[in-house]
Amino acid sequence: MKGIRSIIFVVIFFILAGLIGYGFEKLFVALLPSATVGSLVKVYDVGVHALSLNFNICGILGLICSYLIVSYLMKK
């Protein structure tokens, strides 16, 4: 039963991270000047083209916030 609970929390983690990252992106676009927003919303690539990792700062912030929320819920 604990394995199913962990799988559910992982799915919730990624969905929540995506929603929070999208929210950060919309918030930054609405509030910050365009020169600053460009560096926060720009997609960065790391690695060889076929095996590259793509990320942006808003997505990383979404992952961090989602991790904090889900880890708090898992402790309860």
PDB file of N, CA and C in Angstrom:
ATOM      1  N   MET A   1       0.814  -1.193   0.000  1.00  0.00           N
ATOM      2  CA  MET A   1       0.000   0.000   0.000  1.00  0.00           C
ATOM      3  C   MET A   1       0.861   1.263   0.000  1.00  0.00           C
ATOM      4  N   LYS A   2       2.030   1.185   0.649  1.00  0.00           N
ATOM      5  CA  LYS A   2       2.918   2.342   0.697  1.00  0.00           C
ATOM      6  C   LYS A   2       3.476   2.651  -0.696  1.00  0.00           C
ATOM      7  N   GLY A   3       3.675   1.622  -1.539  1.00  0.00           N
ATOM      8  CA  GLY A   3       4.174   1.839  -2.892  1.00  0.00           C
ATOM      9  C   GLY A   3       3.194   2.596  -3.759  1.00  0.00           C
ATOM     10  N   ILE A   4       1.918   2.281  -3.639  1.00  0.00           N
ATOM     11  CA  ILE A   4       0.891   2.984  -4.410  1.00  0.00           C
ATOM     12  C   ILE A   4       0.800   4.437  -3.958  1.00  0.00           C
ATOM     13  N   ARG A   5       0.909   4.664  -2.657  1.00  0.00           N
ATOM     14  CA  ARG A   5       0.878   6.024  -2.121  1.00  0.00           C
ATOM     15  C   ARG A   5       2.053   6.840  -2.665  1.00  0.00           C
ATOM     16  N   SER A   6       3.223   6.230  -2.750  1.00  0.00           N
ATOM     17  CA  SER A   6       4.399   6.924  -3.277  1.00  0.00           C
ATOM     18  C   SER A   6       4.219   7.271  -4.745  1.00  0.00           C
ATOM     19  N   ILE A   7       3.650   6.353  -5.517  1.00  0.00           N
ATOM     20  CA  ILE A   7       3.419   6.612  -6.940  1.00  0.00           C
ATOM     21  C   ILE A   7       2.431   7.755  -7.119  1.00  0.00           C
ATOM     22  N   ILE A   8       1.389   7.778  -6.318  1.00  0.00           N
ATOM     23  CA  ILE A   8       0.402   8.855  -6.396  1.00  0.00           C
ATOM     24  C   ILE A   8       1.049  10.196  -6.059  1.00  0.00           C
ATOM     25  N   PHE A   9       1.904  10.217  -5.037  1.00  0.00           N
ATOM     26  CA  PHE A   9       2.561  11.472  -4.673  1.00  0.00           C
ATOM     27  C   PHE A   9       3.562  11.915  -5.736  1.00  0.00           C
ATOM     28  N   VAL A  10       4.197  10.996  -6.440  1.00  0.00           N
ATOM     29  CA  VAL A  10       5.107  11.378  -7.528  1.00  0.00           C
ATOM     30  C   VAL A  10       4.319  12.008  -8.671  1.00  0.00           C
ATOM     31  N   VAL A  11       3.182  11.431  -9.004  1.00  0.00           N
ATOM     32  CA  VAL A  11       2.343  12.000 -10.064  1.00  0.00           C
ATOM     33  C   VAL A  11       1.855  13.386  -9.658  1.00  0.00           C
ATOM     34  N   ILE A  12       1.401  13.525  -8.415  1.00  0.00           N
ATOM     35  CA  ILE A  12       0.959  14.822  -7.914  1.00  0.00           C
ATOM     36  C   ILE A  12       2.116  15.817  -7.923  1.00  0.00           C
ATOM     37  N   PHE A  13       3.315  15.350  -7.572  1.00  0.00           N
ATOM     38  CA  PHE A  13       4.506  16.204  -7.562  1.00  0.00           C
ATOM     39  C   PHE A  13       4.758  16.811  -8.935  1.00  0.00           C
ATOM     40  N   PHE A  14       4.740  15.995  -9.987  1.00  0.00           N
ATOM     41  CA  PHE A  14       5.037  16.507 -11.322  1.00  0.00           C
ATOM     42  C   PHE A  14       3.918  17.397 -11.868  1.00  0.00           C
ATOM     43  N   ILE A  15       2.670  17.052 -11.594  1.00  0.00           N
ATOM     44  CA  ILE A  15       1.564  17.901 -12.040  1.00  0.00           C
ATOM     45  C   ILE A  15       1.614  19.244 -11.331  1.00  0.00           C
ATOM     46  N   LEU A  16       1.823  19.218 -10.028  1.00  0.00           N
ATOM     47  CA  LEU A  16       1.908  20.447  -9.244  1.00  0.00           C
ATOM     48  C   LEU A  16       3.112  21.287  -9.661  1.00  0.00           C
ATOM     49  N   ALA A  17       4.237  20.639  -9.945  1.00  0.00           N
ATOM     50  CA  ALA A  17       5.438  21.363 -10.385  1.00  0.00           C
ATOM     51  C   ALA A  17       5.185  22.069 -11.713  1.00  0.00           C
ATOM     52  N   GLY A  18       4.492  21.407 -12.622  1.00  0.00           N
ATOM     53  CA  GLY A  18       4.171  22.036 -13.894  1.00  0.00           C
ATOM     54  C   GLY A  18       3.254  23.232 -13.737  1.00  0.00           C
ATOM     55  N   LEU A  19       2.249  23.089 -12.895  1.00  0.00           N
ATOM     56  CA  LEU A  19       1.318  24.196 -12.676  1.00  0.00           C
ATOM     57  C   LEU A  19       1.995  25.373 -11.984  1.00  0.00           C
ATOM     58  N   ILE A  20       2.815  25.098 -10.994  1.00  0.00           N
ATOM     59  CA  ILE A  20       3.522  26.176 -10.292  1.00  0.00           C
ATOM     60  C   ILE A  20       4.531  26.850 -11.216  1.00  0.00           C
ATOM     61  N   GLY A  21       5.263  26.068 -12.013  1.00  0.00           N
ATOM     62  CA  GLY A  21       6.211  26.643 -12.966  1.00  0.00           C
ATOM     63  C   GLY A  21       5.525  27.519 -13.998  1.00  0.00           C
ATOM     64  N   TYR A  22       4.369  27.067 -14.486  1.00  0.00           N
ATOM     65  CA  TYR A  22       3.598  27.868 -15.441  1.00  0.00           C
ATOM     66  C   TYR A  22       3.105  29.158 -14.780  1.00  0.00           C
ATOM     67  N   GLY A  23       2.697  29.057 -13.522  1.00  0.00           N
ATOM     68  CA  GLY A  23       2.259  30.243 -12.789  1.00  0.00           C
ATOM     69  C   GLY A  23       3.388  31.243 -12.585  1.00  0.00           C
ATOM     70  N   PHE A  24       4.586  30.737 -12.244  1.00  0.00           N
ATOM     71  CA  PHE A  24       5.741  31.629 -12.113  1.00  0.00           C
ATOM     72  C   PHE A  24       6.041  32.326 -13.437  1.00  0.00           C
ATOM     73  N   GLU A  25       5.940  31.581 -14.541  1.00  0.00           N
ATOM     74  CA  GLU A  25       6.213  32.163 -15.844  1.00  0.00           C
ATOM     75  C   GLU A  25       5.229  33.294 -16.155  1.00  0.00           C
ATOM     76  N   LYS A  26       3.949  33.059 -15.934  1.00  0.00           N
ATOM     77  CA  LYS A  26       2.948  34.094 -16.190  1.00  0.00           C
ATOM     78  C   LYS A  26       3.132  35.288 -15.251  1.00  0.00           C
ATOM     79  N   LEU A  27       3.488  35.025 -13.993  1.00  0.00           N
ATOM     80  CA  LEU A  27       3.719  36.095 -13.022  1.00  0.00           C
ATOM     81  C   LEU A  27       4.917  36.955 -13.419  1.00  0.00           C
ATOM     82  N   PHE A  28       6.007  36.305 -13.825  1.00  0.00           N
ATOM     83  CA  PHE A  28       7.204  37.043 -14.216  1.00  0.00           C
ATOM     84  C   PHE A  28       6.955  37.875 -15.472  1.00  0.00           C
ATOM     85  N   VAL A  29       6.217  37.321 -16.429  1.00  0.00           N
ATOM     86  CA  VAL A  29       5.924  38.054 -17.660  1.00  0.00           C
ATOM     87  C   VAL A  29       5.066  39.278 -17.354  1.00  0.00           C
ATOM     88  N   ALA A  30       4.150  39.149 -16.403  1.00  0.00           N
ATOM     89  CA  ALA A  30       3.250  40.260 -16.084  1.00  0.00           C
ATOM     90  C   ALA A  30       3.928  41.351 -15.259  1.00  0.00           C
ATOM     91  N   LEU A  31       4.867  40.981 -14.389  1.00  0.00           N
ATOM     92  CA  LEU A  31       5.396  41.955 -13.439  1.00  0.00           C
ATOM     93  C   LEU A  31       6.781  42.507 -13.766  1.00  0.00           C
ATOM     94  N   LEU A  32       7.628  41.733 -14.401  1.00  0.00           N
ATOM     95  CA  LEU A  32       9.018  42.142 -14.597  1.00  0.00           C
ATOM     96  C   LEU A  32       9.245  42.754 -15.972  1.00  0.00           C
ATOM     97  N   PRO A  33      10.297  43.577 -16.118  1.00  0.00           N
ATOM     98  CA  PRO A  33      10.632  44.125 -17.439  1.00  0.00           C
ATOM     99  C   PRO A  33      11.066  43.019 -18.401  1.00  0.00           C
ATOM    100  N   SER A  34      10.931  43.290 -19.676  1.00  0.00           N
ATOM    101  CA  SER A  34      11.174  42.252 -20.688  1.00  0.00           C
ATOM    102  C   SER A  34      12.628  41.765 -20.711  1.00  0.00           C
ATOM    103  N   ALA A  35      13.583  42.608 -20.366  1.00  0.00           N
ATOM    104  CA  ALA A  35      14.989  42.176 -20.362  1.00  0.00           C
ATOM    105  C   ALA A  35      15.234  41.120 -19.281  1.00  0.00           C
ATOM    106  N   THR A  36      14.607  41.273 -18.140  1.00  0.00           N
ATOM    107  CA  THR A  36      14.763  40.318 -17.043  1.00  0.00           C
ATOM    108  C   THR A  36      13.987  39.046 -17.310  1.00  0.00           C
ATOM    109  N   VAL A  37      12.800  39.180 -17.881  1.00  0.00           N
ATOM    110  CA  VAL A  37      11.946  38.018 -18.149  1.00  0.00           C
ATOM    111  C   VAL A  37      12.599  37.092 -19.152  1.00  0.00           C
ATOM    112  N   GLY A  38      13.330  37.646 -20.087  1.00  0.00           N
ATOM    113  CA  GLY A  38      13.977  36.819 -21.103  1.00  0.00           C
ATOM    114  C   GLY A  38      14.901  35.771 -20.516  1.00  0.00           C
ATOM    115  N   SER A  39      15.648  36.121 -19.482  1.00  0.00           N
ATOM    116  CA  SER A  39      16.566  35.162 -18.875  1.00  0.00           C
ATOM    117  C   SER A  39      15.848  34.156 -17.986  1.00  0.00           C
ATOM    118  N   LEU A  40      14.697  34.510 -17.433  1.00  0.00           N
ATOM    119  CA  LEU A  40      13.958  33.597 -16.565  1.00  0.00           C
ATOM    120  C   LEU A  40      13.108  32.603 -17.343  1.00  0.00           C
ATOM    121  N   VAL A  41      12.612  33.011 -18.502  1.00  0.00           N
ATOM    122  CA  VAL A  41      11.700  32.174 -19.279  1.00  0.00           C
ATOM    123  C   VAL A  41      12.435  31.403 -20.374  1.00  0.00           C
ATOM    124  N   LYS A  42      13.625  31.841 -20.742  1.00  0.00           N
ATOM    125  CA  LYS A  42      14.394  31.184 -21.802  1.00  0.00           C
ATOM    126  C   LYS A  42      14.658  29.721 -21.459  1.00  0.00           C
ATOM    127  N   VAL A  43      14.545  28.858 -22.458  1.00  0.00           N
ATOM    128  CA  VAL A  43      14.797  27.429 -22.264  1.00  0.00           C
ATOM    129  C   VAL A  43      16.286  27.171 -22.488  1.00  0.00           C
ATOM    130  N   TYR A  44      16.924  26.568 -21.494  1.00  0.00           N
ATOM    131  CA  TYR A  44      18.342  26.242 -21.566  1.00  0.00           C
ATOM    132  C   TYR A  44      18.505  24.763 -21.905  1.00  0.00           C
ATOM    133  N   ASP A  45      19.485  24.454 -22.750  1.00  0.00           N
ATOM    134  CA  ASP A  45      19.781  23.076 -23.142  1.00  0.00           C
ATOM    135  C   ASP A  45      21.129  22.673 -22.573  1.00  0.00           C
ATOM    136  N   VAL A  46      21.188  21.460 -22.018  1.00  0.00           N
ATOM    137  CA  VAL A  46      22.433  20.922 -21.493  1.00  0.00           C
ATOM    138  C   VAL A  46      22.616  19.534 -22.092  1.00  0.00           C
ATOM    139  N   GLY A  47      23.764  19.270 -22.701  1.00  0.00           N
ATOM    140  CA  GLY A  47      24.052  17.945 -23.215  1.00  0.00           C
ATOM    141  C   GLY A  47      24.062  17.884 -24.728  1.00  0.00           C
ATOM    142  N   VAL A  48      24.240  16.675 -25.229  1.00  0.00           N
ATOM    143  CA  VAL A  48      24.239  16.405 -26.664  1.00  0.00           C
ATOM    144  C   VAL A  48      22.810  16.556 -27.173  1.00  0.00           C
ATOM    145  N   HIS A  49      22.664  16.954 -28.419  1.00  0.00           N
ATOM    146  CA  HIS A  49      21.339  17.280 -28.957  1.00  0.00           C
ATOM    147  C   HIS A  49      20.312  16.165 -28.748  1.00  0.00           C
ATOM    148  N   ALA A  50      20.651  14.955 -29.051  1.00  0.00           N
ATOM    149  CA  ALA A  50      19.688  13.854 -28.931  1.00  0.00           C
ATOM    150  C   ALA A  50      19.401  13.488 -27.471  1.00  0.00           C
ATOM    151  N   LEU A  51      20.334  13.741 -26.586  1.00  0.00           N
ATOM    152  CA  LEU A  51      20.178  13.378 -25.181  1.00  0.00           C
ATOM    153  C   LEU A  51      20.193  14.605 -24.269  1.00  0.00           C
ATOM    154  N   SER A  52      19.715  15.730 -24.774  1.00  0.00           N
ATOM    155  CA  SER A  52      19.833  16.970 -24.017  1.00  0.00           C
ATOM    156  C   SER A  52      18.748  17.084 -22.951  1.00  0.00           C
ATOM    157  N   LEU A  53      19.045  17.905 -21.968  1.00  0.00           N
ATOM    158  CA  LEU A  53      18.121  18.228 -20.892  1.00  0.00           C
ATOM    159  C   LEU A  53      17.701  19.674 -21.083  1.00  0.00           C
ATOM    160  N   ASN A  54      16.412  19.918 -21.160  1.00  0.00           N
ATOM    161  CA  ASN A  54      15.889  21.267 -21.358  1.00  0.00           C
ATOM    162  C   ASN A  54      15.221  21.738 -20.081  1.00  0.00           C
ATOM    163  N   PHE A  55      15.519  22.959 -19.670  1.00  0.00           N
ATOM    164  CA  PHE A  55      14.910  23.500 -18.468  1.00  0.00           C
ATOM    165  C   PHE A  55      14.896  25.016 -18.544  1.00  0.00           C
ATOM    166  N   ASN A  56      14.069  25.624 -17.698  1.00  0.00           N
ATOM    167  CA  ASN A  56      14.112  27.061 -17.508  1.00  0.00           C
ATOM    168  C   ASN A  56      13.986  27.352 -16.019  1.00  0.00           C
ATOM    169  N   ILE A  57      14.250  28.572 -15.638  1.00  0.00           N
ATOM    170  CA  ILE A  57      14.290  28.953 -14.231  1.00  0.00           C
ATOM    171  C   ILE A  57      12.903  28.798 -13.591  1.00  0.00           C
ATOM    172  N   CYS A  58      11.853  29.123 -14.313  1.00  0.00           N
ATOM    173  CA  CYS A  58      10.496  28.987 -13.772  1.00  0.00           C
ATOM    174  C   CYS A  58      10.179  27.525 -13.461  1.00  0.00           C
ATOM    175  N   GLY A  59      10.612  26.623 -14.314  1.00  0.00           N
ATOM    176  CA  GLY A  59      10.398  25.197 -14.068  1.00  0.00           C
ATOM    177  C   GLY A  59      11.151  24.698 -12.847  1.00  0.00           C
ATOM    178  N   ILE A  60      12.363  25.178 -12.656  1.00  0.00           N
ATOM    179  CA  ILE A  60      13.149  24.796 -11.478  1.00  0.00           C
ATOM    180  C   ILE A  60      12.481  25.315 -10.205  1.00  0.00           C
ATOM    181  N   LEU A  61      11.992  26.549 -10.238  1.00  0.00           N
ATOM    182  CA  LEU A  61      11.274  27.094  -9.079  1.00  0.00           C
ATOM    183  C   LEU A  61      10.000  26.286  -8.798  1.00  0.00           C
ATOM    184  N   GLY A  62       9.321  25.861  -9.857  1.00  0.00           N
ATOM    185  CA  GLY A  62       8.134  25.028  -9.693  1.00  0.00           C
ATOM    186  C   GLY A  62       8.466  23.686  -9.064  1.00  0.00           C
ATOM    187  N   LEU A  63       9.577  23.073  -9.473  1.00  0.00           N
ATOM    188  CA  LEU A  63       9.996  21.802  -8.884  1.00  0.00           C
ATOM    189  C   LEU A  63      10.333  21.952  -7.404  1.00  0.00           C
ATOM    190  N   ILE A  64      11.024  23.025  -7.058  1.00  0.00           N
ATOM    191  CA  ILE A  64      11.404  23.244  -5.661  1.00  0.00           C
ATOM    192  C   ILE A  64      10.161  23.456  -4.795  1.00  0.00           C
ATOM    193  N   CYS A  65       9.251  24.315  -5.241  1.00  0.00           N
ATOM    194  CA  CYS A  65       8.030  24.567  -4.460  1.00  0.00           C
ATOM    195  C   CYS A  65       7.172  23.311  -4.355  1.00  0.00           C
ATOM    196  N   SER A  66       7.060  22.579  -5.438  1.00  0.00           N
ATOM    197  CA  SER A  66       6.273  21.346  -5.422  1.00  0.00           C
ATOM    198  C   SER A  66       6.893  20.315  -4.490  1.00  0.00           C
ATOM    199  N   TYR A  67       8.212  20.217  -4.492  1.00  0.00           N
ATOM    200  CA  TYR A  67       8.886  19.287  -3.594  1.00  0.00           C
ATOM    201  C   TYR A  67       8.606  19.632  -2.131  1.00  0.00           C
ATOM    202  N   LEU A  68       8.644  20.928  -1.807  1.00  0.00           N
ATOM    203  CA  LEU A  68       8.367  21.352  -0.437  1.00  0.00           C
ATOM    204  C   LEU A  68       6.930  21.019  -0.031  1.00  0.00           C
ATOM    205  N   ILE A  69       5.988  21.237  -0.930  1.00  0.00           N
ATOM    206  CA  ILE A  69       4.585  20.948  -0.622  1.00  0.00           C
ATOM    207  C   ILE A  69       4.350  19.460  -0.467  1.00  0.00           C
ATOM    208  N   VAL A  70       4.850  18.657  -1.405  1.00  0.00           N
ATOM    209  CA  VAL A  70       4.608  17.206  -1.363  1.00  0.00           C
ATOM    210  C   VAL A  70       5.342  16.570  -0.202  1.00  0.00           C
ATOM    211  N   SER A  71       6.555  17.016   0.093  1.00  0.00           N
ATOM    212  CA  SER A  71       7.262  16.429   1.238  1.00  0.00           C
ATOM    213  C   SER A  71       6.572  16.788   2.552  1.00  0.00           C
ATOM    214  N   TYR A  72       5.970  17.971   2.621  1.00  0.00           N
ATOM    215  CA  TYR A  72       5.204  18.330   3.815  1.00  0.00           C
ATOM    216  C   TYR A  72       3.961  17.446   3.946  1.00  0.00           C
ATOM    217  N   LEU A  73       3.298  17.177   2.835  1.00  0.00           N
ATOM    218  CA  LEU A  73       2.104  16.317   2.861  1.00  0.00           C
ATOM    219  C   LEU A  73       2.451  14.865   3.178  1.00  0.00           C
ATOM    220  N   MET A  74       3.622  14.419   2.720  1.00  0.00           N
ATOM    221  CA  MET A  74       4.021  13.024   2.993  1.00  0.00           C
ATOM    222  C   MET A  74       4.323  12.816   4.468  1.00  0.00           C
ATOM    223  N   LYS A  75       4.778  13.853   5.169  1.00  0.00           N
ATOM    224  CA  LYS A  75       5.096  13.715   6.594  1.00  0.00           C
ATOM    225  C   LYS A  75       3.842  13.602   7.440  1.00  0.00           C
ATOM    226  N   LYS A  76       2.728  14.125   6.942  1.00  0.00           N
ATOM    227  CA  LYS A  76       1.480  14.073   7.707  1.00  0.00           C
ATOM    228  C   LYS A  76       0.879  12.694   7.687  1.00  0.00           C
TER     229      LYS A  76
END
